[in-house]
Amino acid sequence: MLRSALSLVEDTMRKPFRHSLLAAAGSFLTAGTVAAPMSLQDYLALMGPEPDRHIAYGPAPSQFVELFQPAGDGPFPVVVLIHGGCWTVEFGGIAQMRNMAGALKAQGIAVWNVEYRRHDEAGGGYPGTYQDIATAVDRLKAEAPAHRLDIGRIVAVGHSAGGHLAQWAASRHRLPSWSPAWTPDPLPLPTVISLGGLADLRHQAALIQSSCERSTTQLAGTPTAARPDVFADTSPAELLPAGVRTILIHGEYDVVSPPSTGTAYAARAQVAGDQAEVIVLPRASHYDEVAATSPAWAIVGREIRRALDMLK
């Protein structure tokens, strides 16, 4: 298994991308058995603890954040966690992320678990979804002192559609001022970890359509005379260089967002001058990427701690 996974990494990555099975890959072998990749049904069944606080940032039912706050005096490093679900209400989202949030909280990391209006909710799509993400992330600046959150040690983590939105959130200081999602002085997110993300809306349009049955119009709106290029303020790939370090993590068996998706984005980011690296999770699916109960968590959790400078 390790040999085949390593071969995949070597075939799909080129220097200077980091070939990574990590030392943690050994944890995929337990008593001579190998865990099966998670299914969509496994993902939908993921559970975690209830959040410590529910913070609304708007009047719509989906405009809220869940705060997971560790025990102790803090200040606590922060993960901004953005769920996926193909930009639709159909495939769960924030509830499944509590599995990861609970594991991070137990390690002394605060989690800002973001809910947002999706394309099939009133006010969602373009520009509402993007405005929600911007507002939810920036709300951290006001809430951090009361909850002892260290927003100087912060990483954005997004899964699938949430990978797109996390990368967008980290890049939105590059938005053109004409965009309705533009805000002054956005909260800096120097590192983003995209778990099976789909962040190049222009070049991945066919993959997004086949994987999620989402169209460009649903995600980026329709062209107008004032906005002829709908990707200019919706696709992180169009906002490069953003001065952001991006870690793109994909399961070896991810068919929603395969490893080639990450390597293509990383190549584009590096050509633009940004730091980007790709990690392939051996024997993992699109859903192992977000499960603290999966062997993949040994790698994903390590990368989160590394981004927060918590590794010794």
Protein backbone atom coordinates (compact mmCIF):
# COMPACT_ATOMS: atom_id res chain seq x y z
CA MET A 1 0.00 0.00 0.00
CA LEU A 2 2.76 2.46 0.92
CA ARG A 3 4.62 1.65 -2.28
CA SER A 4 1.56 2.26 -4.47
CA ALA A 5 0.72 5.50 -2.66
CA LEU A 6 4.28 6.73 -3.01
CA SER A 7 4.22 5.93 -6.71
CA LEU A 8 1.06 7.99 -7.10
CA VAL A 9 2.65 10.95 -5.34
CA GLU A 10 5.77 10.74 -7.48
CA ASP A 11 3.71 10.49 -10.66
CA THR A 12 1.42 13.42 -9.83
CA MET A 13 3.83 15.86 -8.19
CA ARG A 14 6.90 17.61 -9.46
CA LYS A 15 9.52 19.49 -7.49
CA PRO A 16 9.33 21.82 -5.65
CA PHE A 17 6.05 20.34 -4.37
CA ARG A 18 6.47 18.34 -1.20
CA HIS A 19 6.13 14.58 -1.67
CA SER A 20 4.36 13.67 1.50
CA LEU A 21 3.32 10.43 3.03
CA LEU A 22 4.95 11.76 6.21
CA ALA A 23 6.07 9.57 9.08
CA ALA A 24 2.39 9.43 10.01
CA ALA A 25 1.71 7.15 7.07
CA GLY A 26 2.76 4.28 9.28
CA SER A 27 -0.40 4.80 11.30
CA PHE A 28 -2.42 3.58 8.33
CA LEU A 29 -1.30 0.07 9.18
CA THR A 30 -2.87 -1.34 12.34
CA ALA A 31 -2.33 -4.95 13.37
CA GLY A 32 -1.77 -5.91 9.74
CA THR A 33 -5.07 -4.40 8.53
CA VAL A 34 -5.77 -1.30 6.47
CA ALA A 35 -8.75 0.98 7.02
CA ALA A 36 -11.15 1.21 4.09
CA PRO A 37 -11.65 4.66 2.53
CA MET A 38 -14.68 6.51 3.90
CA SER A 39 -17.89 6.73 1.87
CA LEU A 40 -20.36 9.59 1.58
CA GLN A 41 -22.58 7.76 4.05
CA ASP A 42 -19.67 7.53 6.50
CA TYR A 43 -19.12 11.26 6.13
CA LEU A 44 -22.77 12.13 6.69
CA ALA A 45 -22.70 10.05 9.89
CA LEU A 46 -19.77 11.99 11.37
CA MET A 47 -20.51 13.41 14.79
CA GLY A 48 -18.79 15.69 17.24
CA PRO A 49 -19.44 17.69 20.40
CA GLU A 50 -21.80 20.63 20.54
CA PRO A 51 -20.12 24.02 20.17
CA ASP A 52 -19.45 26.23 23.15
CA ARG A 53 -21.11 29.23 21.53
CA HIS A 54 -23.43 30.00 18.64
CA ILE A 55 -22.72 33.46 17.19
CA ALA A 56 -25.01 34.97 14.57
CA TYR A 57 -23.47 37.35 12.06
CA GLY A 58 -26.66 38.04 10.10
CA PRO A 59 -30.44 37.53 10.22
CA ALA A 60 -30.66 34.49 7.89
CA PRO A 61 -30.82 31.01 9.49
CA SER A 62 -27.50 30.03 7.91
CA GLN A 63 -25.62 33.16 8.96
CA PHE A 64 -23.88 31.95 12.09
CA VAL A 65 -20.62 30.60 13.46
CA GLU A 66 -19.99 27.87 16.00
CA LEU A 67 -17.14 28.55 18.42
CA PHE A 68 -15.29 25.64 19.98
CA GLN A 69 -13.21 27.05 22.84
CA PRO A 70 -10.62 24.95 24.68
CA ALA A 71 -10.35 24.83 28.44
CA GLY A 72 -7.80 27.13 30.03
CA ASP A 73 -6.86 30.77 30.01
CA GLY A 74 -5.61 31.06 26.43
CA PRO A 75 -4.98 32.91 24.27
CA PHE A 76 -5.78 30.06 21.88
CA PRO A 77 -4.63 29.58 18.30
CA VAL A 78 -7.54 29.54 15.87
CA VAL A 79 -8.72 27.37 13.00
CA VAL A 80 -11.28 29.00 10.71
CA LEU A 81 -13.14 25.91 9.53
CA ILE A 82 -15.33 26.08 6.40
CA HIS A 83 -17.41 23.06 5.44
CA GLY A 84 -18.09 21.75 1.97
CA GLY A 85 -21.08 20.01 0.48
CA CYS A 86 -20.91 21.07 -3.19
CA TRP A 87 -22.20 24.57 -2.35
CA THR A 88 -25.65 23.04 -1.67
CA VAL A 89 -27.74 22.22 1.40
CA GLU A 90 -28.10 18.63 0.21
CA PHE A 91 -24.87 17.13 1.57
CA GLY A 92 -24.63 18.24 5.17
CA GLY A 93 -21.82 20.54 6.21
CA ILE A 94 -21.28 22.27 9.51
CA ALA A 95 -22.50 19.38 11.68
CA GLN A 96 -19.95 16.99 10.16
CA MET A 97 -17.14 19.49 10.82
CA ARG A 98 -17.81 19.15 14.57
CA ASN A 99 -15.91 15.87 14.38
CA MET A 100 -12.74 17.71 13.46
CA ALA A 101 -13.56 20.69 15.67
CA GLY A 102 -13.85 18.50 18.75
CA ALA A 103 -10.47 16.90 18.08
CA LEU A 104 -8.82 20.29 17.60
CA LYS A 105 -10.41 21.71 20.75
CA ALA A 106 -8.98 18.80 22.73
CA GLN A 107 -5.52 19.85 21.52
CA GLY A 108 -5.94 23.42 22.78
CA ILE A 109 -7.00 24.91 19.44
CA ALA A 110 -10.07 27.13 19.12
CA VAL A 111 -12.29 26.49 16.11
CA TRP A 112 -14.41 29.08 14.29
CA ASN A 113 -16.79 26.75 12.46
CA VAL A 114 -18.52 28.79 9.74
CA GLU A 115 -22.01 28.31 8.34
CA TYR A 116 -23.07 30.27 5.27
CA ARG A 117 -25.87 30.56 2.72
CA ARG A 118 -25.36 28.15 -0.15
CA HIS A 119 -26.40 28.62 -3.74
CA ASP A 120 -29.83 27.06 -3.16
CA GLU A 121 -30.70 29.16 -0.11
CA ALA A 122 -32.35 32.57 -0.26
CA GLY A 123 -29.62 35.17 -0.69
CA GLY A 124 -26.92 32.55 -1.38
CA GLY A 125 -24.79 32.07 -4.46
CA TYR A 126 -23.18 35.18 -5.90
CA PRO A 127 -22.57 37.45 -4.12
CA GLY A 128 -24.32 36.31 -0.94
CA THR A 129 -22.19 33.24 -0.19
CA TYR A 130 -19.01 35.28 -0.54
CA GLN A 131 -20.36 38.12 1.56
CA ASP A 132 -21.25 35.60 4.27
CA ILE A 133 -17.74 34.17 4.34
CA ALA A 134 -16.20 37.64 4.48
CA THR A 135 -18.51 38.76 7.29
CA ALA A 136 -18.07 35.55 9.31
CA VAL A 137 -14.28 35.65 9.08
CA ASP A 138 -14.03 39.34 9.94
CA ARG A 139 -16.34 38.86 12.92
CA LEU A 140 -13.37 37.16 14.57
CA LYS A 141 -11.69 40.53 15.05
CA ALA A 142 -14.52 41.69 17.30
CA GLU A 143 -15.00 38.38 19.14
CA ALA A 144 -11.37 37.44 19.74
CA PRO A 145 -10.72 39.46 22.94
CA ALA A 146 -13.82 38.18 24.77
CA HIS A 147 -13.04 34.56 23.96
CA ARG A 148 -9.25 34.73 24.37
CA LEU A 149 -8.54 33.92 20.71
CA ASP A 150 -5.10 34.64 19.28
CA ILE A 151 -5.84 35.76 15.74
CA GLY A 152 -2.12 36.22 15.21
CA ARG A 153 -1.92 32.40 15.16
CA ILE A 154 -4.57 31.44 12.69
CA VAL A 155 -5.11 29.08 9.77
CA ALA A 156 -8.06 28.69 7.41
CA VAL A 157 -9.12 25.10 6.73
CA GLY A 158 -11.78 24.25 4.17
CA HIS A 159 -13.14 21.05 2.69
CA SER A 160 -14.27 20.60 -0.93
CA ALA A 161 -16.48 23.62 -1.70
CA GLY A 162 -15.22 24.96 1.62
CA GLY A 163 -11.68 24.63 0.29
CA HIS A 164 -12.65 27.05 -2.46
CA LEU A 165 -14.18 29.42 0.08
CA ALA A 166 -11.26 29.15 2.52
CA GLN A 167 -8.79 29.92 -0.26
CA TRP A 168 -11.01 32.79 -1.37
CA ALA A 169 -11.18 34.13 2.21
CA ALA A 170 -7.40 34.10 2.46
CA SER A 171 -7.08 35.88 -0.90
CA ARG A 172 -9.85 38.46 -0.68
CA HIS A 173 -7.51 41.34 0.12
CA ARG A 174 -6.83 41.05 -3.62
CA LEU A 175 -10.46 41.58 -4.60
CA PRO A 176 -11.22 44.44 -6.98
CA SER A 177 -12.96 47.27 -5.16
CA TRP A 178 -15.98 47.02 -7.50
CA SER A 179 -16.83 43.57 -6.14
CA PRO A 180 -19.86 43.45 -3.81
CA ALA A 181 -17.82 41.02 -1.67
CA TRP A 182 -15.00 43.53 -1.18
CA THR A 183 -14.41 44.76 2.36
CA PRO A 184 -11.77 47.09 3.76
CA ASP A 185 -9.07 45.66 6.01
CA PRO A 186 -9.99 41.94 5.87
CA LEU A 187 -8.64 39.65 8.59
CA PRO A 188 -5.27 38.28 7.38
CA LEU A 189 -5.14 34.51 6.87
CA PRO A 190 -1.50 33.81 6.05
CA THR A 191 -1.95 30.05 5.61
CA VAL A 192 -4.81 28.05 4.16
CA ILE A 193 -5.23 24.27 4.15
CA SER A 194 -7.53 23.09 1.39
CA LEU A 195 -8.89 19.57 1.89
CA GLY A 196 -10.05 18.26 -1.48
CA GLY A 197 -10.74 21.83 -2.56
CA LEU A 198 -12.04 23.08 -5.91
CA ALA A 199 -10.59 26.55 -6.10
CA ASP A 200 -9.91 27.25 -9.78
CA LEU A 201 -13.46 27.92 -10.93
CA ARG A 202 -12.42 28.69 -14.49
CA HIS A 203 -10.23 25.66 -15.23
CA GLN A 204 -12.11 23.25 -12.96
CA ALA A 205 -15.59 24.13 -14.24
CA ALA A 206 -16.03 20.77 -15.96
CA LEU A 207 -14.85 18.86 -12.86
CA ILE A 208 -17.18 20.88 -10.63
CA GLN A 209 -20.07 20.14 -12.97
CA SER A 210 -19.33 16.41 -13.03
CA SER A 211 -18.50 16.06 -9.33
CA CYS A 212 -21.07 18.42 -7.82
CA GLU A 213 -23.52 19.20 -10.61
CA ARG A 214 -22.87 22.89 -9.99
CA SER A 215 -22.65 25.36 -12.84
CA THR A 216 -20.48 28.44 -13.15
CA THR A 217 -23.62 30.60 -12.97
CA GLN A 218 -24.61 29.06 -9.63
CA LEU A 219 -21.17 29.72 -8.13
CA ALA A 220 -20.01 32.90 -9.82
CA GLY A 221 -23.08 34.63 -11.21
CA THR A 222 -23.70 35.83 -14.73
CA PRO A 223 -21.54 38.20 -16.77
CA THR A 224 -22.57 41.83 -17.11
CA ALA A 225 -21.08 44.78 -18.94
CA ALA A 226 -19.59 45.97 -15.66
CA ARG A 227 -18.44 42.47 -14.70
CA PRO A 228 -17.60 40.56 -17.88
CA ASP A 229 -15.33 38.04 -16.13
CA VAL A 230 -17.32 36.27 -13.42
CA PHE A 231 -14.18 34.61 -12.05
CA ALA A 232 -12.39 37.88 -11.28
CA ASP A 233 -13.87 38.10 -7.76
CA THR A 234 -14.94 34.51 -7.10
CA SER A 235 -12.02 32.24 -8.04
CA PRO A 236 -8.92 32.22 -5.81
CA ALA A 237 -6.82 31.23 -8.82
CA GLU A 238 -7.63 34.61 -10.38
CA LEU A 239 -6.46 36.44 -7.23
CA LEU A 240 -2.91 35.12 -7.39
CA PRO A 241 -0.43 36.09 -6.13
CA ALA A 242 -2.06 36.56 -2.76
CA GLY A 243 1.02 36.21 -0.53
CA VAL A 244 -0.62 33.20 1.09
CA ARG A 245 0.90 29.81 1.86
CA THR A 246 -1.44 27.10 0.58
CA ILE A 247 -1.36 23.41 1.52
CA LEU A 248 -3.52 21.34 -0.81
CA ILE A 249 -4.41 17.95 0.68
CA HIS A 250 -6.15 15.28 -1.39
CA GLY A 251 -7.03 11.66 -0.75
CA GLU A 252 -5.32 9.13 -2.99
CA TYR A 253 -8.78 7.85 -3.95
CA ASP A 254 -10.56 11.22 -4.03
CA VAL A 255 -12.70 11.26 -7.18
CA VAL A 256 -14.52 14.51 -6.34
CA SER A 257 -11.30 16.53 -6.27
CA PRO A 258 -8.41 14.24 -7.27
CA PRO A 259 -4.76 14.96 -6.46
CA SER A 260 -4.22 16.35 -9.96
CA THR A 261 -6.52 19.21 -8.99
CA GLY A 262 -4.15 20.20 -6.21
CA THR A 263 -1.01 19.91 -8.28
CA ALA A 264 -2.51 22.07 -11.04
CA TYR A 265 -3.44 24.79 -8.57
CA ALA A 266 -0.08 24.60 -6.78
CA ALA A 267 1.77 24.94 -10.08
CA ARG A 268 -0.23 28.04 -10.94
CA ALA A 269 0.32 29.52 -7.47
CA GLN A 270 4.06 28.92 -7.57
CA VAL A 271 4.43 30.43 -11.01
CA ALA A 272 2.68 33.52 -9.61
CA GLY A 273 5.17 33.63 -6.72
CA ASP A 274 3.12 32.15 -3.87
CA GLN A 275 4.07 29.23 -1.64
CA ALA A 276 2.07 26.08 -2.35
CA GLU A 277 2.52 22.40 -1.64
CA VAL A 278 0.53 19.23 -2.21
CA ILE A 279 0.02 16.29 0.13
CA VAL A 280 -1.60 13.02 -0.92
CA LEU A 281 -3.29 10.96 1.80
CA PRO A 282 -2.66 7.25 1.18
CA ARG A 283 -5.79 5.09 0.79
CA ALA A 284 -8.02 8.04 1.59
CA SER A 285 -11.20 9.25 -0.08
CA HIS A 286 -12.73 12.73 -0.32
CA TYR A 287 -14.27 12.15 3.10
CA ASP A 288 -11.31 10.84 5.09
CA GLU A 289 -9.85 14.31 4.62
CA VAL A 290 -12.14 15.78 7.31
CA ALA A 291 -12.62 12.91 9.74
CA ALA A 292 -10.69 12.88 13.00
CA THR A 293 -11.70 9.21 13.19
CA SER A 294 -9.85 8.40 9.95
CA PRO A 295 -6.19 7.33 9.77
CA ALA A 296 -5.74 10.39 7.53
CA TRP A 297 -6.15 12.60 10.60
CA ALA A 298 -2.57 11.82 11.63
CA ILE A 299 -1.46 13.80 8.58
CA VAL A 300 -4.17 16.44 8.42
CA GLY A 301 -3.94 17.24 12.13
CA ARG A 302 -0.18 17.52 11.91
CA GLU A 303 -0.43 20.02 9.06
CA ILE A 304 -2.87 22.15 11.04
CA ARG A 305 -0.55 22.18 14.06
CA ARG A 306 2.39 22.95 11.79
CA ALA A 307 0.54 25.94 10.34
CA LEU A 308 -0.10 27.17 13.88
CA ASP A 309 3.56 26.69 14.85
CA MET A 310 2.61 24.07 17.44
CA LEU A 311 5.10 21.37 16.40
CA LYS A 312 8.26 21.01 18.41
